[in-house]
N, C-alpha and C. Protein backbone atom coordinates (compact mmCIF):
# COMPACT_ATOMS: atom_id res chain seq x y z
N MET A 1 -172.91 38.82 15.13
CA MET A 1 -171.60 39.88 14.97
C MET A 1 -171.14 39.14 15.78
N GLU A 2 -171.36 38.35 16.59
CA GLU A 2 -170.45 38.21 17.89
C GLU A 2 -169.39 36.70 16.89
N ASN A 3 -170.08 36.42 15.66
CA ASN A 3 -168.91 35.39 14.64
C ASN A 3 -168.22 36.69 13.71
N THR A 4 -168.83 37.57 13.78
CA THR A 4 -167.90 38.28 13.01
C THR A 4 -165.90 38.99 14.08
N ILE A 5 -166.72 39.51 15.24
CA ILE A 5 -165.73 39.53 15.96
C ILE A 5 -164.47 38.07 16.46
N ASN A 6 -165.45 36.96 16.56
CA ASN A 6 -164.38 35.79 16.97
C ASN A 6 -163.50 35.60 15.85
N GLN A 7 -163.54 35.65 14.21
CA GLN A 7 -163.22 36.19 12.88
C GLN A 7 -162.45 36.76 12.84
N GLY A 8 -162.59 38.52 13.30
CA GLY A 8 -161.43 39.66 13.53
C GLY A 8 -160.50 38.77 14.54
N SER A 9 -160.57 38.46 16.01
CA SER A 9 -159.80 37.69 16.04
C SER A 9 -158.72 36.81 16.00
N ARG A 10 -159.67 35.95 15.58
CA ARG A 10 -158.70 34.61 14.70
C ARG A 10 -157.79 35.32 13.30
N GLU A 11 -158.09 36.69 12.97
CA GLU A 11 -157.35 36.74 12.16
C GLU A 11 -156.22 37.68 12.78
N LEU A 12 -156.54 38.20 13.96
CA LEU A 12 -155.50 38.90 15.01
C LEU A 12 -154.50 38.14 14.89
N LYS A 13 -154.65 37.02 15.41
CA LYS A 13 -153.96 35.87 15.87
C LYS A 13 -152.82 35.12 14.69
N LYS A 14 -153.28 35.31 14.04
CA LYS A 14 -152.82 34.41 12.77
C LYS A 14 -151.83 35.54 12.58
N MET A 15 -152.39 36.72 12.22
CA MET A 15 -151.38 37.97 11.71
C MET A 15 -149.96 37.92 12.67
N ASN A 16 -149.62 37.98 14.04
CA ASN A 16 -149.58 38.23 15.17
C ASN A 16 -148.26 36.54 15.06
N ARG A 17 -148.47 35.83 15.12
CA ARG A 17 -147.87 34.51 14.37
C ARG A 17 -147.13 34.69 13.48
N ARG A 18 -147.97 34.89 12.11
CA ARG A 18 -147.22 34.98 11.68
C ARG A 18 -146.12 35.98 11.28
N ARG A 19 -146.49 37.43 11.87
CA ARG A 19 -145.20 37.74 11.83
C ARG A 19 -144.23 37.71 13.05
N PHE A 20 -144.63 36.76 13.92
CA PHE A 20 -143.58 36.84 15.50
C PHE A 20 -142.69 35.71 14.59
N LEU A 21 -143.49 34.88 13.69
CA LEU A 21 -141.98 33.71 12.65
C LEU A 21 -140.82 34.97 11.40
N ASN A 22 -141.52 35.39 11.13
CA ASN A 22 -141.08 36.51 10.16
C ASN A 22 -139.67 37.47 10.92
N ILE A 23 -139.75 37.86 11.98
CA ILE A 23 -139.18 38.29 12.76
C ILE A 23 -138.05 37.02 13.04
N CYS A 24 -138.35 35.90 13.82
CA CYS A 24 -137.53 34.67 14.14
C CYS A 24 -136.63 34.61 12.60
N LEU A 25 -137.44 34.39 11.65
CA LEU A 25 -136.62 33.82 10.78
C LEU A 25 -135.70 34.98 9.78
N GLY A 26 -136.48 36.57 9.92
CA GLY A 26 -135.15 37.49 9.33
C GLY A 26 -134.23 37.04 11.09
N SER A 27 -134.42 37.59 11.83
CA SER A 27 -132.87 37.11 12.90
C SER A 27 -132.62 36.15 13.27
N LEU A 28 -132.78 35.18 12.55
CA LEU A 28 -131.62 33.52 11.95
C LEU A 28 -130.50 34.06 11.17
N GLY A 29 -132.07 34.69 9.51
CA GLY A 29 -130.35 35.49 8.81
C GLY A 29 -129.52 36.07 8.70
N THR A 30 -130.02 37.00 9.94
CA THR A 30 -129.17 37.88 9.74
C THR A 30 -127.64 37.53 10.27
N ILE A 31 -128.30 36.51 11.54
CA ILE A 31 -127.01 36.49 12.41
C ILE A 31 -126.10 34.94 11.52
N LEU A 32 -126.94 34.18 10.17
CA LEU A 32 -125.89 33.44 9.47
C LEU A 32 -125.20 34.32 8.93
N ALA A 33 -125.70 35.46 7.95
CA ALA A 33 -124.97 36.43 7.15
C ALA A 33 -123.98 36.97 8.32
N GLY A 34 -124.15 37.09 9.15
CA GLY A 34 -122.83 38.02 9.70
C GLY A 34 -121.83 36.51 9.72
N GLY A 35 -122.61 35.69 10.73
CA GLY A 35 -121.16 34.79 10.54
C GLY A 35 -120.43 34.18 9.45
N VAL A 36 -120.94 34.19 8.71
CA VAL A 36 -120.34 34.24 6.66
C VAL A 36 -119.50 35.67 6.54
N ILE A 37 -120.09 36.69 7.06
CA ILE A 37 -119.97 38.26 6.44
C ILE A 37 -118.29 38.52 6.98
N TYR A 38 -118.10 38.24 8.33
CA TYR A 38 -117.11 38.37 9.23
C TYR A 38 -115.71 37.10 9.28
N PRO A 39 -115.65 36.13 8.71
CA PRO A 39 -114.92 35.55 8.18
C PRO A 39 -113.66 36.10 7.12
N VAL A 40 -114.96 36.01 6.25
CA VAL A 40 -114.54 36.74 5.10
C VAL A 40 -113.41 38.51 4.86
N LEU A 41 -114.64 39.35 6.15
CA LEU A 41 -113.94 40.52 5.96
C LEU A 41 -112.30 40.20 6.88
N ARG A 42 -112.59 39.64 7.97
CA ARG A 42 -110.83 39.42 9.11
C ARG A 42 -110.35 38.71 7.88
N TYR A 43 -110.29 37.83 6.99
CA TYR A 43 -109.49 37.40 5.88
C TYR A 43 -108.63 38.72 5.04
N LEU A 44 -110.11 39.36 4.21
CA LEU A 44 -109.63 40.63 3.54
C LEU A 44 -108.56 41.71 4.03
N VAL A 45 -108.38 41.84 6.25
CA VAL A 45 -108.07 42.73 6.46
C VAL A 45 -106.82 42.76 6.86
N PRO A 46 -105.59 43.27 6.49
CA PRO A 46 -104.13 42.54 6.07
C PRO A 46 -103.63 42.74 7.38
N PRO A 47 -102.70 41.56 8.34
CA PRO A 47 -102.74 41.55 9.43
C PRO A 47 -102.72 43.19 9.97
N SER A 48 -101.18 43.39 9.19
CA SER A 48 -101.01 45.17 9.93
C SER A 48 -101.96 45.86 10.57
N MET A 49 -102.93 45.84 10.12
CA MET A 49 -104.24 46.75 10.14
C MET A 49 -105.09 45.81 11.30
N ARG A 50 -105.19 45.14 12.23
CA ARG A 50 -106.29 44.54 12.63
C ARG A 50 -105.84 44.92 14.24
N GLY A 51 -104.25 45.65 14.77
CA GLY A 51 -104.74 45.84 15.79
C GLY A 51 -103.08 46.35 16.46
N LYS A 52 -103.76 46.44 17.39
CA LYS A 52 -101.90 46.58 18.63
C LYS A 52 -101.15 45.51 17.95
N ARG A 53 -99.62 45.80 18.39
CA ARG A 53 -98.09 45.22 18.32
C ARG A 53 -98.93 44.45 19.57
N VAL A 54 -98.03 42.95 18.87
CA VAL A 54 -97.79 42.15 20.34
C VAL A 54 -96.67 42.09 20.54
N GLU A 55 -96.32 42.00 21.91
CA GLU A 55 -95.02 42.32 22.23
C GLU A 55 -94.69 40.53 22.82
N VAL A 56 -93.14 40.10 22.90
CA VAL A 56 -93.07 39.20 24.22
C VAL A 56 -92.07 39.16 24.14
N ARG A 57 -91.44 38.94 25.82
CA ARG A 57 -90.02 39.40 26.11
C ARG A 57 -89.35 37.96 26.96
N VAL A 58 -88.56 37.48 26.48
CA VAL A 58 -87.54 36.34 27.20
C VAL A 58 -86.86 37.16 27.81
N PRO A 59 -86.21 36.70 29.04
CA PRO A 59 -84.30 36.70 29.46
C PRO A 59 -83.80 36.30 28.61
N GLU A 60 -82.81 36.91 27.89
CA GLU A 60 -81.15 35.96 27.48
C GLU A 60 -81.41 35.03 27.87
N LYS A 61 -81.03 34.99 29.73
CA LYS A 61 -80.57 33.51 29.31
C LYS A 61 -81.58 32.41 29.36
N GLU A 62 -82.45 32.42 29.12
CA GLU A 62 -83.27 31.67 29.05
C GLU A 62 -83.16 30.45 27.22
N VAL A 63 -82.31 31.39 26.31
CA VAL A 63 -82.39 30.59 25.05
C VAL A 63 -81.06 30.99 25.38
N PRO A 64 -79.93 28.99 25.24
CA PRO A 64 -78.62 29.63 25.46
C PRO A 64 -78.43 29.70 23.35
N LEU A 65 -76.80 29.65 23.35
CA LEU A 65 -76.68 29.36 22.35
C LEU A 65 -76.87 28.16 21.54
N GLY A 66 -77.56 28.38 20.49
CA GLY A 66 -78.00 26.74 19.90
C GLY A 66 -79.92 26.31 20.51
N GLY A 67 -80.03 27.29 21.23
CA GLY A 67 -81.27 26.76 22.09
C GLY A 67 -82.62 27.71 21.56
N SER A 68 -83.72 27.11 21.70
CA SER A 68 -85.20 27.15 21.63
C SER A 68 -85.99 27.76 22.49
N LYS A 69 -86.79 28.21 22.06
CA LYS A 69 -87.96 28.26 22.78
C LYS A 69 -89.04 28.70 22.06
N LEU A 70 -90.54 27.79 22.67
CA LEU A 70 -91.55 27.77 21.71
C LEU A 70 -92.22 29.13 22.53
N LEU A 71 -93.03 29.89 21.56
CA LEU A 71 -93.43 31.22 22.10
C LEU A 71 -94.84 31.07 21.60
N ARG A 72 -95.96 32.19 21.81
CA ARG A 72 -97.20 32.44 21.09
C ARG A 72 -97.31 33.60 21.02
N ILE A 73 -97.18 34.07 19.53
CA ILE A 73 -96.75 35.56 19.71
C ILE A 73 -98.64 35.84 18.75
N GLY A 74 -99.31 36.61 19.33
CA GLY A 74 -100.66 36.86 18.70
C GLY A 74 -100.88 35.27 19.29
N ASP A 75 -102.26 35.19 17.68
CA ASP A 75 -102.91 33.23 17.93
C ASP A 75 -101.60 32.77 17.14
N LYS A 76 -100.66 32.93 16.93
CA LYS A 76 -99.84 32.08 16.03
C LYS A 76 -98.40 31.34 16.87
N PRO A 77 -98.73 29.98 16.99
CA PRO A 77 -97.47 29.30 17.34
C PRO A 77 -96.18 29.48 17.04
N SER A 78 -95.54 29.84 17.68
CA SER A 78 -93.74 30.40 17.13
C SER A 78 -92.51 29.88 17.84
N VAL A 79 -91.18 29.85 17.30
CA VAL A 79 -90.65 29.48 18.18
C VAL A 79 -88.96 30.69 17.81
N LEU A 80 -88.82 30.93 19.69
CA LEU A 80 -87.13 32.21 18.87
C LEU A 80 -85.80 31.27 19.26
N ILE A 81 -85.52 31.50 18.62
CA ILE A 81 -84.02 30.39 18.21
C ILE A 81 -82.72 31.55 18.64
N HIS A 82 -81.72 31.00 19.00
CA HIS A 82 -80.24 31.15 19.15
C HIS A 82 -78.94 31.00 18.30
N THR A 83 -78.87 31.21 17.39
CA THR A 83 -77.72 30.75 16.50
C THR A 83 -76.56 31.70 16.31
N PRO A 84 -75.58 31.06 15.96
CA PRO A 84 -74.49 32.23 16.05
C PRO A 84 -74.84 33.69 15.23
N ASP A 85 -75.55 33.48 14.57
CA ASP A 85 -75.79 35.20 14.06
C ASP A 85 -76.42 35.62 14.90
N GLY A 86 -77.02 35.50 15.89
CA GLY A 86 -77.69 35.39 17.09
C GLY A 86 -79.17 35.39 16.67
N PHE A 87 -80.36 36.43 17.30
CA PHE A 87 -81.74 35.80 17.56
C PHE A 87 -82.70 35.71 16.35
N ALA A 88 -83.28 35.02 16.25
CA ALA A 88 -83.90 35.03 15.63
C ALA A 88 -85.59 34.58 15.72
N ALA A 89 -86.88 34.99 15.12
CA ALA A 89 -88.22 34.58 16.09
C ALA A 89 -89.08 34.02 14.42
N PHE A 90 -89.60 33.59 14.44
CA PHE A 90 -90.20 32.26 13.46
C PHE A 90 -92.32 31.61 13.76
N SER A 91 -92.47 31.91 13.11
CA SER A 91 -94.18 31.51 13.18
C SER A 91 -93.46 29.77 12.62
N LEU A 92 -94.56 29.05 13.73
CA LEU A 92 -93.96 27.49 13.61
C LEU A 92 -95.37 27.25 12.64
N VAL A 93 -95.72 27.89 11.78
CA VAL A 93 -97.25 27.40 10.12
C VAL A 93 -96.38 27.46 9.26
N CYS A 94 -96.72 26.05 8.13
CA CYS A 94 -95.33 26.17 6.82
C CYS A 94 -96.40 27.14 6.16
N SER A 95 -95.50 27.26 5.44
CA SER A 95 -96.44 28.09 4.14
C SER A 95 -96.61 27.29 2.81
N HIS A 96 -96.95 26.07 2.93
CA HIS A 96 -97.94 25.27 2.33
C HIS A 96 -99.16 24.69 1.97
N LEU A 97 -99.40 24.23 3.57
CA LEU A 97 -100.23 23.33 3.89
C LEU A 97 -100.23 23.80 5.19
N GLY A 98 -100.38 24.79 6.22
CA GLY A 98 -100.63 24.88 7.62
C GLY A 98 -99.67 24.60 8.19
N CYS A 99 -99.40 23.27 8.51
CA CYS A 99 -98.79 22.22 10.12
C CYS A 99 -97.59 22.83 10.14
N LEU A 100 -97.43 22.35 11.61
CA LEU A 100 -96.16 22.64 12.36
C LEU A 100 -95.68 22.19 11.86
N VAL A 101 -94.46 23.04 12.04
CA VAL A 101 -92.54 22.84 11.54
C VAL A 101 -92.25 22.72 12.83
N LYS A 102 -91.03 21.85 13.03
CA LYS A 102 -90.18 21.72 14.21
C LYS A 102 -88.81 22.16 14.28
N TRP A 103 -88.22 22.96 15.18
CA TRP A 103 -86.76 23.43 14.83
C TRP A 103 -86.08 21.70 15.26
N GLU A 104 -85.23 21.85 14.17
CA GLU A 104 -84.69 20.59 14.71
C GLU A 104 -83.05 21.31 14.76
N ALA A 105 -82.38 21.18 16.35
CA ALA A 105 -81.16 22.62 16.34
C ALA A 105 -80.23 22.42 16.25
N PRO A 106 -79.82 21.00 15.79
CA PRO A 106 -78.72 19.84 15.89
C PRO A 106 -78.15 20.10 14.48
N LYS A 107 -79.38 19.90 13.82
CA LYS A 107 -79.44 20.27 11.98
C LYS A 107 -79.46 21.23 11.97
N ASN A 108 -79.51 22.09 12.48
CA ASN A 108 -79.99 23.76 12.10
C ASN A 108 -80.51 24.33 11.38
N GLU A 109 -82.05 22.75 11.10
CA GLU A 109 -82.86 23.94 10.25
C GLU A 109 -84.40 23.30 10.62
N PHE A 110 -84.98 23.70 9.99
CA PHE A 110 -86.82 23.91 10.58
C PHE A 110 -87.31 22.63 9.31
N LEU A 111 -88.49 21.42 10.27
CA LEU A 111 -88.73 20.61 8.86
C LEU A 111 -89.99 20.26 9.28
N CYS A 112 -90.97 20.47 8.48
CA CYS A 112 -92.43 19.98 8.16
C CYS A 112 -92.78 18.41 7.76
N PRO A 113 -93.42 18.42 9.45
CA PRO A 113 -93.74 16.54 8.88
C PRO A 113 -94.81 15.96 8.03
N CYS A 114 -95.50 17.14 7.88
CA CYS A 114 -96.97 17.15 6.20
C CYS A 114 -95.71 16.52 4.59
N HIS A 115 -94.97 17.03 4.92
CA HIS A 115 -94.63 17.41 2.98
C HIS A 115 -92.70 16.92 3.17
N GLY A 116 -92.66 17.15 4.28
CA GLY A 116 -91.26 17.03 3.80
C GLY A 116 -90.52 18.12 4.15
N ALA A 117 -90.87 19.46 3.97
CA ALA A 117 -90.25 20.66 3.69
C ALA A 117 -89.12 21.03 4.90
N LYS A 118 -87.92 21.45 3.65
CA LYS A 118 -87.18 21.92 5.07
C LYS A 118 -86.68 23.61 4.92
N PHE A 119 -86.23 24.03 6.20
CA PHE A 119 -86.14 25.75 5.99
C PHE A 119 -85.05 25.65 6.81
N ASP A 120 -84.63 26.64 6.23
CA ASP A 120 -82.97 27.03 7.26
C ASP A 120 -82.69 27.97 8.10
N SER A 121 -81.99 28.45 8.83
CA SER A 121 -82.02 28.90 10.39
C SER A 121 -82.33 30.43 9.80
N LYS A 122 -83.13 30.76 8.93
CA LYS A 122 -83.19 31.69 8.61
C LYS A 122 -84.72 32.15 7.81
N GLY A 123 -85.30 30.74 8.17
CA GLY A 123 -86.96 30.63 7.46
C GLY A 123 -87.05 30.44 6.56
N ALA A 124 -85.81 30.29 5.22
CA ALA A 124 -85.96 30.53 4.09
C ALA A 124 -86.23 28.94 3.67
N VAL A 125 -86.49 28.58 2.85
CA VAL A 125 -87.34 27.41 1.83
C VAL A 125 -85.43 26.79 1.53
N ILE A 126 -85.23 25.59 2.19
CA ILE A 126 -84.48 24.82 1.59
C ILE A 126 -85.00 23.91 0.96
N SER A 127 -85.57 23.07 0.41
CA SER A 127 -86.56 21.76 0.19
C SER A 127 -88.07 21.34 -0.02
N GLY A 128 -89.00 21.50 -0.96
CA GLY A 128 -90.40 21.31 -0.77
C GLY A 128 -91.29 21.87 -1.22
N PRO A 129 -92.23 21.73 -1.12
CA PRO A 129 -93.54 22.45 -2.03
C PRO A 129 -93.37 23.62 -1.52
N PRO A 130 -93.57 24.08 0.09
CA PRO A 130 -93.90 26.22 0.55
C PRO A 130 -93.39 27.13 -0.87
N PRO A 131 -94.05 28.01 -0.76
CA PRO A 131 -94.10 28.55 -2.34
C PRO A 131 -92.87 30.05 -1.17
N THR A 132 -93.68 29.88 -0.36
CA THR A 132 -92.19 30.99 0.73
C THR A 132 -91.50 30.34 1.71
N GLY A 133 -91.14 30.87 2.48
CA GLY A 133 -90.51 31.15 3.90
C GLY A 133 -91.68 30.95 4.75
N LEU A 134 -90.91 30.37 6.12
CA LEU A 134 -91.24 31.00 7.23
C LEU A 134 -91.59 32.61 7.68
N GLU A 135 -92.96 32.64 8.18
CA GLU A 135 -93.03 34.10 8.51
C GLU A 135 -91.68 34.59 9.72
N PRO A 136 -91.18 35.65 9.69
CA PRO A 136 -90.05 36.22 10.60
C PRO A 136 -91.19 36.79 11.46
N PHE A 137 -90.55 37.25 13.01
CA PHE A 137 -90.82 38.07 13.73
C PHE A 137 -89.75 39.01 14.43
N HIS A 138 -89.82 40.37 14.23
CA HIS A 138 -89.52 41.16 14.45
C HIS A 138 -88.43 40.75 16.14
N VAL A 139 -86.96 40.91 16.19
CA VAL A 139 -86.51 40.64 17.09
C VAL A 139 -85.94 41.88 17.67
N GLU A 140 -85.67 42.03 18.89
CA GLU A 140 -84.39 43.16 19.93
C GLU A 140 -83.96 42.76 21.35
N VAL A 141 -83.04 42.83 21.21
CA VAL A 141 -82.07 42.82 22.70
C VAL A 141 -81.59 43.57 23.21
N ILE A 142 -82.79 43.96 24.12
CA ILE A 142 -81.89 45.47 25.23
C ILE A 142 -82.03 44.81 26.36
N GLU A 143 -81.08 44.63 27.04
CA GLU A 143 -80.64 45.02 28.32
C GLU A 143 -80.84 43.54 29.05
N GLY A 144 -80.48 42.99 28.24
CA GLY A 144 -80.39 41.28 28.38
C GLY A 144 -82.12 40.64 28.41
N GLU A 145 -83.00 41.16 27.78
CA GLU A 145 -84.02 40.45 27.80
C GLU A 145 -84.50 40.69 25.89
N VAL A 146 -85.19 39.46 25.30
CA VAL A 146 -85.36 39.27 24.27
C VAL A 146 -86.70 40.12 24.34
N ILE A 147 -86.79 41.03 22.67
CA ILE A 147 -88.65 41.37 22.72
C ILE A 147 -88.44 40.70 21.17
N VAL A 148 -89.49 40.23 21.15
CA VAL A 148 -90.27 39.41 19.87
C VAL A 148 -91.47 39.88 19.72
N SER A 149 -91.20 40.57 17.97
CA SER A 149 -93.01 41.35 18.08
C SER A 149 -93.26 41.14 16.67
């Protein structure tokens, strides 16, 4: 009879270990699946539906004619430029491979160091491999303040 009790308690211990391992493996699988699914879902949701509008306010005096100011709009490195046509703001991420472009004020153009692409002061492609121009941002000037969103 004692032997039967010992055998039963051993089976109970094995069952508890097996159950514990199943719970651990199931939890790990769920975490890994979430780590894969979240970026895919984030990629599929259009930026316009992701959240609230982000605004950056810059005093108009900080960006004189011909000048520029680096900004971070949301999670994107960006630049505000002041040309004879007015203020404009663009993402600094090249539409080709995601390299960061530089604003060349004397040449009045953006230059991508990765493949030599060039963009004009309106963000349009002048030369190089990018399929589209730089992403523009909405710019308003209200009471001496430049609002980029």
